[in-house]
Amino acid sequence: MNGLIVGIGCVVGYLVFRRTAVNAQRQPGDLPAAIAAAASTIVVLAFLFGLGDGKASKPEETRPVPTPTVQNTTAAEQGLRP
């Protein structure tokens, strides 16, 4: 799907480049306008179809982190000499 969107953007850019060319004087078209049209087409289509980097969006599993416990005991409670 990502390749199709890029292909459509390239076609739009090509059409803009050809339409901005001055036919009578054989001058090339407006390259910055064609690049901008292609880029904006790709961005808009990607937002419309919700595409990203091609990876499946799965929520990460979070595991609970065990909390260390400390018992406050005195030496007498443990049977040791003070």
Protein backbone atom coordinates (compact mmCIF):
# COMPACT_ATOMS: atom_id res chain seq x y z
CA MET A 1 0.00 0.00 0.00
CA ASN A 2 2.88 2.37 0.76
CA GLY A 3 4.31 1.80 -2.72
CA LEU A 4 0.98 2.60 -4.33
CA ILE A 5 0.77 5.90 -2.47
CA VAL A 6 4.31 6.85 -3.51
CA GLY A 7 3.48 5.91 -7.09
CA ILE A 8 0.38 8.11 -7.07
CA GLY A 9 2.48 10.96 -5.65
CA CYS A 10 5.02 10.54 -8.46
CA VAL A 11 2.28 10.61 -11.09
CA VAL A 12 0.82 13.79 -9.58
CA GLY A 13 4.27 15.38 -9.53
CA TYR A 14 4.86 14.43 -13.15
CA LEU A 15 1.51 15.87 -14.21
CA VAL A 16 2.20 19.14 -12.41
CA PHE A 17 5.64 19.33 -14.02
CA ARG A 18 4.20 18.76 -17.51
CA ARG A 19 1.29 21.21 -17.02
CA THR A 20 3.55 24.02 -15.87
CA ALA A 21 5.84 23.71 -18.90
CA VAL A 22 5.61 26.49 -21.44
CA ASN A 23 4.97 24.69 -24.71
CA ALA A 24 5.63 27.58 -27.08
CA GLN A 25 9.12 28.34 -25.76
CA ARG A 26 10.13 24.72 -24.97
CA GLN A 27 10.98 25.61 -21.38
CA PRO A 28 10.81 22.91 -18.71
CA GLY A 29 8.12 22.91 -16.08
CA ASP A 30 8.23 24.17 -12.54
CA LEU A 31 10.25 21.52 -10.71
CA PRO A 32 9.80 22.86 -7.15
CA ALA A 33 6.03 23.00 -7.64
CA ALA A 34 6.02 19.44 -8.94
CA ILE A 35 8.06 18.18 -5.97
CA ALA A 36 5.80 20.04 -3.54
CA ALA A 37 2.67 18.62 -5.18
CA ALA A 38 4.06 15.07 -5.06
CA ALA A 39 5.12 15.38 -1.43
CA SER A 40 1.83 16.87 -0.32
CA THR A 41 -0.10 14.17 -2.19
CA ILE A 42 1.90 11.44 -0.46
CA VAL A 43 1.40 13.03 2.97
CA VAL A 44 -2.35 13.54 2.50
CA LEU A 45 -2.91 10.00 1.23
CA ALA A 46 -0.81 8.53 4.04
CA PHE A 47 -2.90 10.41 6.61
CA LEU A 48 -6.15 9.40 4.95
CA PHE A 49 -5.26 5.72 4.87
CA GLY A 50 -3.53 5.78 8.26
CA LEU A 51 -0.23 4.42 7.03
CA GLY A 52 3.00 4.60 8.94
CA ASP A 53 6.24 2.75 8.65
CA GLY A 54 4.62 -0.50 7.52
CA LYS A 55 4.82 -2.21 10.89
CA ALA A 56 1.73 -3.56 12.57
CA SER A 57 0.72 -1.40 15.47
CA LYS A 58 0.38 -3.66 18.47
CA PRO A 59 0.41 -2.33 22.00
CA GLU A 60 3.47 -3.40 23.89
CA GLU A 61 2.89 -5.82 26.70
CA THR A 62 3.89 -4.35 30.01
CA ARG A 63 4.96 -6.69 32.74
CA PRO A 64 4.70 -5.59 36.34
CA VAL A 65 8.07 -4.83 37.85
CA PRO A 66 8.59 -6.59 41.17
CA THR A 67 9.18 -4.21 44.03
CA PRO A 68 11.92 -5.25 46.43
CA THR A 69 10.79 -5.47 50.03
CA VAL A 70 12.93 -4.79 53.05
CA GLN A 71 12.04 -6.00 56.50
CA ASN A 72 13.03 -3.72 59.32
CA THR A 73 14.13 -6.05 62.11
CA THR A 74 16.45 -5.50 64.96
CA ALA A 75 19.37 -7.71 65.92
CA ALA A 76 17.45 -9.00 68.96
CA GLU A 77 14.54 -10.10 66.78
CA GLN A 78 16.89 -12.06 64.55
CA GLY A 79 18.45 -13.83 67.51
CA LEU A 80 21.77 -12.03 67.25
CA ARG A 81 23.66 -10.37 70.03
CA PRO A 82 23.53 -6.60 70.12
